[in-house]
Amino acid sequence: MEQPASAYFIEERHDPNETHTLSVLVANEPGVLARVIGLFSGRGYNIESLTVSETESDKHVSRITIVTTGTPMVITQIKHQLDRMIPVHRVVDMTLTGRAIERELAMVKLRGIGEQRLEALRLAEAFRARVIDASIESFVFEITGSSSKINSFIDLMRPLGLVEISRTGVAAITRGAEGM
């Protein structure tokens, strides 16, 4: 049966969600982060990871790195809306450049004695995690890498006495000699 020829007919689409890392250069001034986050919350977009820091103090510029998930249409809409904001200098979709390096840092605290403790140390060595604090009953490991590497490390540490996790969020930069 043919669809009605109405101006209000909208084809129902079920595009898969994609995860994208957006790097946003903004003016380093009060309220900018709140405005950027307000764009996401006001439209119901989710932020998986958020990292912010001043990158050029002489130019008063900060970089906001946002990991978000949505359909391709939603990701495009987010980028366009960010681009139109006044304090935003530039928006780069690091996922689409194909030349991005992404890293995250986590500190992972474990409680354990005996065999659990030895197993945690073996796993930490395999993941290149460093012990940054130790007591008779606990460890704090520092691990750096991709979010998936950190997730895997955390999953393996859960049955060994995981107590607490602190993560920085994703930092990303493009490869090569050119800047953003």
N, C-alpha and C. Protein backbone atom coordinates (compact mmCIF):
# COMPACT_ATOMS: atom_id res chain seq x y z
N MET A 1 0.83 -1.17 0.00
CA MET A 1 0.00 0.00 0.00
C MET A 1 0.88 1.24 0.00
N GLU A 2 0.53 2.22 -0.78
CA GLU A 2 1.31 3.44 -0.92
C GLU A 2 1.08 4.36 0.28
N GLN A 3 2.17 5.03 0.70
CA GLN A 3 2.09 5.95 1.83
C GLN A 3 1.35 7.22 1.41
N PRO A 4 0.64 7.84 2.33
CA PRO A 4 -0.08 9.08 2.01
C PRO A 4 0.88 10.19 1.62
N ALA A 5 0.46 11.05 0.72
CA ALA A 5 1.28 12.17 0.24
C ALA A 5 1.05 13.39 1.13
N SER A 6 1.37 13.26 2.37
CA SER A 6 1.16 14.34 3.32
C SER A 6 2.49 15.00 3.65
N ALA A 7 2.45 16.30 3.89
CA ALA A 7 3.65 17.02 4.30
C ALA A 7 4.08 16.59 5.69
N TYR A 8 3.20 15.94 6.43
CA TYR A 8 3.49 15.55 7.80
C TYR A 8 3.96 14.11 7.93
N PHE A 9 4.02 13.40 6.82
CA PHE A 9 4.47 12.02 6.87
C PHE A 9 5.98 12.00 7.08
N ILE A 10 6.43 11.35 8.12
CA ILE A 10 7.86 11.23 8.40
C ILE A 10 8.18 9.74 8.44
N GLU A 11 9.13 9.36 7.63
CA GLU A 11 9.55 7.96 7.59
C GLU A 11 10.22 7.61 8.92
N GLU A 12 9.80 6.51 9.50
CA GLU A 12 10.39 6.08 10.75
C GLU A 12 11.73 5.44 10.47
N ARG A 13 12.78 5.93 11.15
CA ARG A 13 14.13 5.42 10.94
C ARG A 13 14.66 4.85 12.24
N HIS A 14 15.47 3.82 12.11
CA HIS A 14 16.08 3.20 13.28
C HIS A 14 17.58 3.09 13.05
N ASP A 15 18.25 4.25 12.92
CA ASP A 15 19.69 4.25 12.74
C ASP A 15 20.36 3.80 14.03
N PRO A 16 21.44 3.06 13.91
CA PRO A 16 22.15 2.60 15.12
C PRO A 16 22.87 3.77 15.79
N ASN A 17 23.02 3.66 17.10
CA ASN A 17 23.77 4.67 17.84
C ASN A 17 25.26 4.49 17.59
N GLU A 18 25.96 5.61 17.53
CA GLU A 18 27.41 5.61 17.36
C GLU A 18 28.00 6.42 18.50
N THR A 19 29.21 6.11 18.88
CA THR A 19 29.92 6.88 19.88
C THR A 19 30.95 7.76 19.18
N HIS A 20 30.93 9.05 19.48
CA HIS A 20 31.86 10.00 18.86
C HIS A 20 32.57 10.81 19.93
N THR A 21 33.83 11.14 19.65
CA THR A 21 34.62 12.02 20.50
C THR A 21 34.71 13.37 19.82
N LEU A 22 34.19 14.39 20.49
CA LEU A 22 34.20 15.75 19.95
C LEU A 22 35.20 16.59 20.73
N SER A 23 36.04 17.31 20.01
CA SER A 23 36.98 18.23 20.63
C SER A 23 36.48 19.64 20.33
N VAL A 24 36.24 20.43 21.37
CA VAL A 24 35.63 21.74 21.21
C VAL A 24 36.56 22.79 21.83
N LEU A 25 37.07 23.70 20.98
CA LEU A 25 37.87 24.81 21.48
C LEU A 25 36.94 25.96 21.82
N VAL A 26 37.07 26.47 23.04
CA VAL A 26 36.16 27.53 23.51
C VAL A 26 36.95 28.64 24.18
N ALA A 27 36.31 29.80 24.29
CA ALA A 27 36.88 30.89 25.06
C ALA A 27 36.88 30.48 26.53
N ASN A 28 37.99 30.73 27.20
CA ASN A 28 38.09 30.37 28.62
C ASN A 28 37.53 31.52 29.44
N GLU A 29 36.21 31.46 29.65
CA GLU A 29 35.54 32.50 30.42
C GLU A 29 34.42 31.86 31.24
N PRO A 30 33.99 32.53 32.31
CA PRO A 30 32.96 31.96 33.18
C PRO A 30 31.67 31.64 32.42
N GLY A 31 31.09 30.49 32.72
CA GLY A 31 29.79 30.11 32.17
C GLY A 31 29.83 29.35 30.86
N VAL A 32 30.99 29.26 30.21
CA VAL A 32 31.05 28.59 28.90
C VAL A 32 30.75 27.10 29.05
N LEU A 33 31.38 26.44 30.02
CA LEU A 33 31.13 25.01 30.22
C LEU A 33 29.65 24.76 30.52
N ALA A 34 29.05 25.59 31.36
CA ALA A 34 27.63 25.44 31.69
C ALA A 34 26.76 25.56 30.44
N ARG A 35 27.11 26.47 29.55
CA ARG A 35 26.33 26.64 28.30
C ARG A 35 26.46 25.42 27.40
N VAL A 36 27.68 24.89 27.29
CA VAL A 36 27.90 23.71 26.44
C VAL A 36 27.15 22.51 27.02
N ILE A 37 27.26 22.31 28.31
CA ILE A 37 26.55 21.19 28.96
C ILE A 37 25.04 21.40 28.87
N GLY A 38 24.59 22.64 28.99
CA GLY A 38 23.17 22.95 28.86
C GLY A 38 22.62 22.57 27.50
N LEU A 39 23.43 22.70 26.46
CA LEU A 39 23.00 22.29 25.13
C LEU A 39 22.67 20.79 25.13
N PHE A 40 23.50 19.99 25.79
CA PHE A 40 23.28 18.54 25.84
C PHE A 40 22.07 18.20 26.70
N SER A 41 22.03 18.74 27.91
CA SER A 41 20.94 18.37 28.82
C SER A 41 19.60 18.89 28.34
N GLY A 42 19.59 20.07 27.73
CA GLY A 42 18.35 20.66 27.26
C GLY A 42 17.69 19.88 26.13
N ARG A 43 18.48 19.12 25.41
CA ARG A 43 17.96 18.35 24.28
C ARG A 43 17.95 16.85 24.56
N GLY A 44 18.34 16.46 25.75
CA GLY A 44 18.30 15.05 26.13
C GLY A 44 19.43 14.22 25.56
N TYR A 45 20.54 14.86 25.18
CA TYR A 45 21.70 14.12 24.69
C TYR A 45 22.54 13.67 25.87
N ASN A 46 23.16 12.51 25.74
CA ASN A 46 23.95 11.97 26.84
C ASN A 46 25.43 12.27 26.63
N ILE A 47 26.12 12.53 27.71
CA ILE A 47 27.57 12.68 27.70
C ILE A 47 28.17 11.48 28.41
N GLU A 48 28.98 10.71 27.69
CA GLU A 48 29.63 9.53 28.26
C GLU A 48 30.88 9.93 29.05
N SER A 49 31.60 10.94 28.53
CA SER A 49 32.83 11.40 29.15
C SER A 49 33.00 12.88 28.86
N LEU A 50 33.59 13.60 29.82
CA LEU A 50 33.78 15.04 29.68
C LEU A 50 35.11 15.42 30.33
N THR A 51 35.97 16.08 29.56
CA THR A 51 37.26 16.54 30.06
C THR A 51 37.43 17.99 29.63
N VAL A 52 37.86 18.85 30.55
CA VAL A 52 38.01 20.27 30.24
C VAL A 52 39.31 20.78 30.85
N SER A 53 40.05 21.57 30.07
CA SER A 53 41.24 22.21 30.60
C SER A 53 41.66 23.35 29.70
N GLU A 54 42.26 24.36 30.31
CA GLU A 54 42.82 25.45 29.52
C GLU A 54 44.01 24.90 28.74
N THR A 55 44.09 25.24 27.45
CA THR A 55 45.18 24.73 26.62
C THR A 55 46.11 25.83 26.14
N GLU A 56 45.60 27.04 26.02
CA GLU A 56 46.43 28.16 25.59
C GLU A 56 46.12 29.36 26.50
N SER A 57 46.91 29.51 27.57
CA SER A 57 46.60 30.54 28.56
C SER A 57 46.77 31.95 27.99
N ASP A 58 47.73 32.15 27.08
CA ASP A 58 47.92 33.48 26.52
C ASP A 58 46.77 33.90 25.61
N LYS A 59 46.06 32.93 25.03
CA LYS A 59 44.91 33.23 24.17
C LYS A 59 43.58 33.02 24.89
N HIS A 60 43.64 32.56 26.15
CA HIS A 60 42.44 32.29 26.95
C HIS A 60 41.52 31.30 26.24
N VAL A 61 42.11 30.16 25.84
CA VAL A 61 41.37 29.12 25.13
C VAL A 61 41.41 27.83 25.93
N SER A 62 40.27 27.16 26.03
CA SER A 62 40.18 25.86 26.68
C SER A 62 39.70 24.83 25.68
N ARG A 63 40.01 23.57 25.96
CA ARG A 63 39.54 22.47 25.13
C ARG A 63 38.59 21.63 25.97
N ILE A 64 37.41 21.40 25.41
CA ILE A 64 36.44 20.50 26.03
C ILE A 64 36.40 19.25 25.16
N THR A 65 36.69 18.11 25.74
CA THR A 65 36.60 16.85 25.01
C THR A 65 35.37 16.12 25.53
N ILE A 66 34.44 15.84 24.60
CA ILE A 66 33.17 15.23 24.96
C ILE A 66 33.01 13.92 24.19
N VAL A 67 32.73 12.85 24.91
CA VAL A 67 32.37 11.59 24.27
C VAL A 67 30.86 11.46 24.42
N THR A 68 30.17 11.33 23.28
CA THR A 68 28.72 11.26 23.29
C THR A 68 28.25 10.15 22.37
N THR A 69 27.02 9.71 22.56
CA THR A 69 26.44 8.64 21.77
C THR A 69 25.13 9.10 21.17
N GLY A 70 24.90 8.73 19.92
CA GLY A 70 23.65 9.06 19.25
C GLY A 70 23.65 8.54 17.83
N THR A 71 22.54 8.71 17.16
CA THR A 71 22.47 8.33 15.75
C THR A 71 23.33 9.31 14.95
N PRO A 72 23.70 8.96 13.73
CA PRO A 72 24.48 9.90 12.91
C PRO A 72 23.81 11.26 12.79
N MET A 73 22.48 11.28 12.67
CA MET A 73 21.76 12.54 12.56
C MET A 73 21.90 13.36 13.85
N VAL A 74 21.81 12.72 14.99
CA VAL A 74 21.93 13.41 16.28
C VAL A 74 23.35 13.96 16.46
N ILE A 75 24.36 13.17 16.10
CA ILE A 75 25.75 13.62 16.22
C ILE A 75 25.97 14.85 15.34
N THR A 76 25.46 14.83 14.12
CA THR A 76 25.58 15.98 13.21
C THR A 76 24.88 17.20 13.82
N GLN A 77 23.71 16.99 14.39
CA GLN A 77 22.96 18.08 15.01
C GLN A 77 23.74 18.68 16.19
N ILE A 78 24.33 17.83 17.01
CA ILE A 78 25.13 18.30 18.15
C ILE A 78 26.28 19.17 17.65
N LYS A 79 27.00 18.70 16.63
CA LYS A 79 28.14 19.46 16.12
C LYS A 79 27.71 20.82 15.57
N HIS A 80 26.60 20.85 14.83
CA HIS A 80 26.11 22.13 14.28
C HIS A 80 25.69 23.09 15.39
N GLN A 81 25.01 22.57 16.41
CA GLN A 81 24.57 23.42 17.51
C GLN A 81 25.76 23.95 18.32
N LEU A 82 26.77 23.13 18.51
CA LEU A 82 27.98 23.59 19.20
C LEU A 82 28.69 24.66 18.38
N ASP A 83 28.78 24.43 17.08
CA ASP A 83 29.45 25.39 16.18
C ASP A 83 28.81 26.77 16.21
N ARG A 84 27.50 26.83 16.44
CA ARG A 84 26.77 28.10 16.44
C ARG A 84 26.89 28.87 17.75
N MET A 85 27.40 28.23 18.79
CA MET A 85 27.52 28.92 20.07
C MET A 85 28.62 29.98 19.99
N ILE A 86 28.38 31.13 20.57
CA ILE A 86 29.30 32.27 20.51
C ILE A 86 30.68 31.97 21.10
N PRO A 87 30.82 31.38 22.29
CA PRO A 87 32.17 31.21 22.82
C PRO A 87 32.94 30.05 22.18
N VAL A 88 32.32 29.32 21.25
CA VAL A 88 32.97 28.17 20.62
C VAL A 88 33.78 28.65 19.41
N HIS A 89 35.08 28.32 19.41
CA HIS A 89 35.96 28.68 18.30
C HIS A 89 35.96 27.61 17.21
N ARG A 90 35.93 26.34 17.63
CA ARG A 90 36.03 25.25 16.65
C ARG A 90 35.52 23.96 17.25
N VAL A 91 34.87 23.14 16.41
CA VAL A 91 34.40 21.81 16.80
C VAL A 91 35.00 20.80 15.83
N VAL A 92 35.68 19.79 16.37
CA VAL A 92 36.26 18.74 15.52
C VAL A 92 35.75 17.40 16.02
N ASP A 93 35.20 16.61 15.10
CA ASP A 93 34.77 15.25 15.42
C ASP A 93 35.99 14.35 15.27
N MET A 94 36.63 14.04 16.39
CA MET A 94 37.86 13.25 16.38
C MET A 94 37.63 11.84 15.83
N THR A 95 36.42 11.35 15.96
CA THR A 95 36.10 10.01 15.46
C THR A 95 36.16 9.99 13.95
N LEU A 96 35.68 11.05 13.31
CA LEU A 96 35.65 11.09 11.85
C LEU A 96 37.00 11.39 11.22
N THR A 97 37.89 12.04 11.96
CA THR A 97 39.20 12.35 11.37
C THR A 97 39.99 11.07 11.12
N GLY A 98 39.73 10.05 11.93
CA GLY A 98 40.44 8.78 11.77
C GLY A 98 41.90 8.86 12.17
N ARG A 99 42.31 10.00 12.70
CA ARG A 99 43.71 10.21 13.05
C ARG A 99 43.85 10.62 14.51
N ALA A 100 42.94 10.18 15.35
CA ALA A 100 42.95 10.63 16.75
C ALA A 100 43.57 9.59 17.66
N ILE A 101 44.23 10.10 18.68
CA ILE A 101 44.74 9.26 19.76
C ILE A 101 43.90 9.61 20.98
N GLU A 102 43.30 8.60 21.60
CA GLU A 102 42.47 8.82 22.79
C GLU A 102 43.05 8.05 23.96
N ARG A 103 43.11 8.72 25.10
CA ARG A 103 43.59 8.09 26.33
C ARG A 103 42.75 8.55 27.50
N GLU A 104 42.75 7.70 28.52
CA GLU A 104 42.05 8.01 29.76
C GLU A 104 42.93 7.51 30.89
N LEU A 105 42.82 8.15 32.04
CA LEU A 105 43.55 7.72 33.22
C LEU A 105 42.54 7.29 34.28
N ALA A 106 42.87 6.24 34.99
CA ALA A 106 42.00 5.79 36.09
C ALA A 106 42.87 5.39 37.28
N MET A 107 42.32 5.63 38.45
CA MET A 107 42.91 5.10 39.68
C MET A 107 41.92 4.08 40.21
N VAL A 108 42.43 2.89 40.53
CA VAL A 108 41.58 1.77 40.92
C VAL A 108 42.06 1.25 42.27
N LYS A 109 41.17 1.28 43.27
CA LYS A 109 41.52 0.83 44.62
C LYS A 109 40.97 -0.57 44.86
N LEU A 110 41.84 -1.44 45.39
CA LEU A 110 41.46 -2.82 45.72
C LEU A 110 41.79 -3.11 47.17
N ARG A 111 40.96 -3.94 47.77
CA ARG A 111 41.21 -4.44 49.12
C ARG A 111 41.40 -5.95 48.98
N GLY A 112 42.44 -6.48 49.60
CA GLY A 112 42.64 -7.92 49.52
C GLY A 112 43.91 -8.37 50.19
N ILE A 113 43.92 -9.66 50.51
CA ILE A 113 45.10 -10.28 51.12
C ILE A 113 45.32 -11.61 50.44
N GLY A 114 46.51 -12.17 50.63
CA GLY A 114 46.82 -13.50 50.14
C GLY A 114 46.82 -13.62 48.63
N GLU A 115 46.19 -14.69 48.16
CA GLU A 115 46.18 -15.02 46.73
C GLU A 115 45.51 -13.93 45.89
N GLN A 116 44.45 -13.31 46.41
CA GLN A 116 43.79 -12.22 45.68
C GLN A 116 44.76 -11.08 45.42
N ARG A 117 45.56 -10.78 46.40
CA ARG A 117 46.54 -9.70 46.30
C ARG A 117 47.57 -10.01 45.22
N LEU A 118 48.06 -11.23 45.19
CA LEU A 118 49.04 -11.64 44.18
C LEU A 118 48.44 -11.62 42.78
N GLU A 119 47.22 -12.08 42.66
CA GLU A 119 46.54 -12.07 41.36
C GLU A 119 46.32 -10.65 40.86
N ALA A 120 45.97 -9.74 41.76
CA ALA A 120 45.79 -8.33 41.38
C ALA A 120 47.10 -7.75 40.87
N LEU A 121 48.20 -8.07 41.51
CA LEU A 121 49.51 -7.58 41.08
C LEU A 121 49.89 -8.16 39.72
N ARG A 122 49.59 -9.43 39.48
CA ARG A 122 49.87 -10.06 38.18
C ARG A 122 49.07 -9.38 37.07
N LEU A 123 47.79 -9.16 37.32
CA LEU A 123 46.94 -8.50 36.32
C LEU A 123 47.40 -7.07 36.07
N ALA A 124 47.76 -6.38 37.12
CA ALA A 124 48.24 -5.00 36.97
C ALA A 124 49.48 -4.97 36.09
N GLU A 125 50.37 -5.91 36.28
CA GLU A 125 51.58 -5.97 35.45
C GLU A 125 51.22 -6.23 33.99
N ALA A 126 50.28 -7.12 33.74
CA ALA A 126 49.86 -7.43 32.37
C ALA A 126 49.23 -6.22 31.68
N PHE A 127 48.54 -5.38 32.46
CA PHE A 127 47.88 -4.19 31.91
C PHE A 127 48.76 -2.94 31.99
N ARG A 128 49.98 -3.10 32.49
CA ARG A 128 50.91 -1.99 32.68
C ARG A 128 50.35 -0.92 33.62
N ALA A 129 49.65 -1.38 34.62
CA ALA A 129 49.15 -0.47 35.67
C ALA A 129 50.23 -0.35 36.73
N ARG A 130 50.37 0.85 37.29
CA ARG A 130 51.38 1.10 38.33
C ARG A 130 50.73 1.14 39.70
N VAL A 131 51.43 0.63 40.68
CA VAL A 131 50.99 0.75 42.06
C VAL A 131 51.40 2.15 42.52
N ILE A 132 50.43 2.97 42.92
CA ILE A 132 50.76 4.33 43.39
C ILE A 132 50.52 4.49 44.89
N ASP A 133 49.89 3.47 45.51
CA ASP A 133 49.73 3.46 46.96
C ASP A 133 49.51 2.01 47.38
N ALA A 134 50.12 1.64 48.48
CA ALA A 134 49.97 0.27 48.96
C ALA A 134 49.97 0.26 50.47
N SER A 135 49.15 -0.63 51.02
CA SER A 135 49.17 -0.91 52.45
C SER A 135 49.10 -2.42 52.59
N ILE A 136 49.02 -2.89 53.81
CA ILE A 136 48.97 -4.33 54.04
C ILE A 136 47.70 -4.94 53.46
N GLU A 137 46.61 -4.17 53.42
CA GLU A 137 45.33 -4.71 52.96
C GLU A 137 44.80 -4.09 51.67
N SER A 138 45.54 -3.14 51.05
CA SER A 138 44.98 -2.50 49.87
C SER A 138 46.06 -2.02 48.90
N PHE A 139 45.60 -1.77 47.66
CA PHE A 139 46.43 -1.18 46.61
C PHE A 139 45.63 -0.09 45.93
N VAL A 140 46.32 0.90 45.41
CA VAL A 140 45.72 1.82 44.45
C VAL A 140 46.59 1.72 43.19
N PHE A 141 45.95 1.36 42.09
CA PHE A 141 46.64 1.25 40.81
C PHE A 141 46.32 2.46 39.95
N GLU A 142 47.29 2.88 39.16
CA GLU A 142 47.10 3.92 38.15
C GLU A 142 47.22 3.23 36.80
N ILE A 143 46.22 3.41 35.95
CA ILE A 143 46.24 2.80 34.62
C ILE A 143 45.86 3.85 33.58
N THR A 144 46.59 3.85 32.48
CA THR A 144 46.35 4.78 31.39
C THR A 144 46.17 3.98 30.12
N GLY A 145 45.23 4.42 29.28
CA GLY A 145 45.02 3.75 28.00
C GLY A 145 43.66 4.08 27.44
N SER A 146 43.23 3.26 26.51
CA SER A 146 41.90 3.44 25.93
C SER A 146 40.84 3.13 26.98
N SER A 147 39.67 3.67 26.77
CA SER A 147 38.58 3.40 27.71
C SER A 147 38.26 1.90 27.78
N SER A 148 38.36 1.21 26.65
CA SER A 148 38.06 -0.23 26.65
C SER A 148 39.11 -1.00 27.45
N LYS A 149 40.38 -0.59 27.40
CA LYS A 149 41.42 -1.24 28.20
C LYS A 149 41.13 -1.04 29.69
N ILE A 150 40.77 0.18 30.07
CA ILE A 150 40.47 0.47 31.47
C ILE A 150 39.24 -0.31 31.93
N ASN A 151 38.21 -0.38 31.08
CA ASN A 151 37.01 -1.16 31.42
C ASN A 151 37.36 -2.63 31.65
N SER A 152 38.22 -3.19 30.79
CA SER A 152 38.63 -4.59 30.95
C SER A 152 39.38 -4.80 32.26
N PHE A 153 40.29 -3.88 32.58
CA PHE A 153 41.05 -3.97 33.83
C PHE A 153 40.11 -3.94 35.04
N ILE A 154 39.16 -3.02 35.02
CA ILE A 154 38.20 -2.89 36.12
C ILE A 154 37.36 -4.16 36.25
N ASP A 155 36.90 -4.70 35.13
CA ASP A 155 36.10 -5.93 35.16
C ASP A 155 36.87 -7.09 35.79
N LEU A 156 38.16 -7.19 35.50
CA LEU A 156 38.98 -8.26 36.08
C LEU A 156 39.26 -8.03 37.56
N MET A 157 39.27 -6.78 37.98
CA MET A 157 39.56 -6.46 39.38
C MET A 157 38.33 -6.61 40.30
N ARG A 158 37.14 -6.57 39.72
CA ARG A 158 35.92 -6.66 40.55
C ARG A 158 35.92 -7.86 41.50
N PRO A 159 36.16 -9.08 41.01
CA PRO A 159 36.12 -10.22 41.94
C PRO A 159 37.31 -10.29 42.90
N LEU A 160 38.31 -9.44 42.69
CA LEU A 160 39.50 -9.46 43.54
C LEU A 160 39.44 -8.45 44.67
N GLY A 161 38.30 -7.77 44.84
CA GLY A 161 38.14 -6.85 45.96
C GLY A 161 38.11 -5.38 45.57
N LEU A 162 37.56 -5.08 44.42
CA LEU A 162 37.46 -3.68 43.98
C LEU A 162 36.69 -2.86 44.99
N VAL A 163 37.26 -1.70 45.37
CA VAL A 163 36.64 -0.83 46.37
C VAL A 163 36.14 0.46 45.73
N GLU A 164 36.98 1.06 44.88
CA GLU A 164 36.66 2.39 44.37
C GLU A 164 37.40 2.64 43.06
N ILE A 165 36.78 3.48 42.20
CA ILE A 165 37.36 3.85 40.92
C ILE A 165 37.23 5.36 40.75
N SER A 166 38.29 5.99 40.24
CA SER A 166 38.24 7.39 39.86
C SER A 166 38.82 7.50 38.46
N ARG A 167 38.02 8.07 37.52
CA ARG A 167 38.45 8.16 36.12
C ARG A 167 38.47 9.62 35.68
N THR A 168 39.41 9.94 34.78
CA THR A 168 39.55 11.31 34.32
C THR A 168 38.61 11.67 33.19
N GLY A 169 38.20 10.73 32.39
CA GLY A 169 37.50 11.02 31.16
C GLY A 169 38.51 10.99 30.02
N VAL A 170 38.03 11.00 28.81
CA VAL A 170 38.86 10.84 27.62
C VAL A 170 39.54 12.16 27.26
N ALA A 171 40.83 12.07 26.97
CA ALA A 171 41.58 13.16 26.35
C ALA A 171 41.94 12.69 24.95
N ALA A 172 41.83 13.55 23.95
CA ALA A 172 42.09 13.14 22.58
C ALA A 172 42.87 14.23 21.85
N ILE A 173 43.70 13.79 20.90
CA ILE A 173 44.48 14.70 20.07
C ILE A 173 44.70 14.01 18.72
N THR A 174 44.83 14.81 17.65
CA THR A 174 45.04 14.22 16.33
C THR A 174 46.52 13.92 16.12
N ARG A 175 46.78 12.92 15.29
CA ARG A 175 48.16 12.57 14.93
C ARG A 175 48.68 13.58 13.91
N GLY A 176 49.98 13.63 13.75
CA GLY A 176 50.58 14.46 12.72
C GLY A 176 51.00 15.82 13.23
N ALA A 177 51.56 16.62 12.32
CA ALA A 177 52.15 17.91 12.67
C ALA A 177 51.13 19.04 12.80
N GLU A 178 49.95 18.88 12.22
CA GLU A 178 48.95 19.94 12.26
C GLU A 178 48.23 19.98 13.60
N GLY A 179 47.85 21.18 14.00
CA GLY A 179 47.06 21.35 15.21
C GLY A 179 45.58 21.39 14.89
N MET A 180 44.79 21.55 15.91
CA MET A 180 43.35 21.60 15.73
C MET A 180 42.97 22.94 15.15
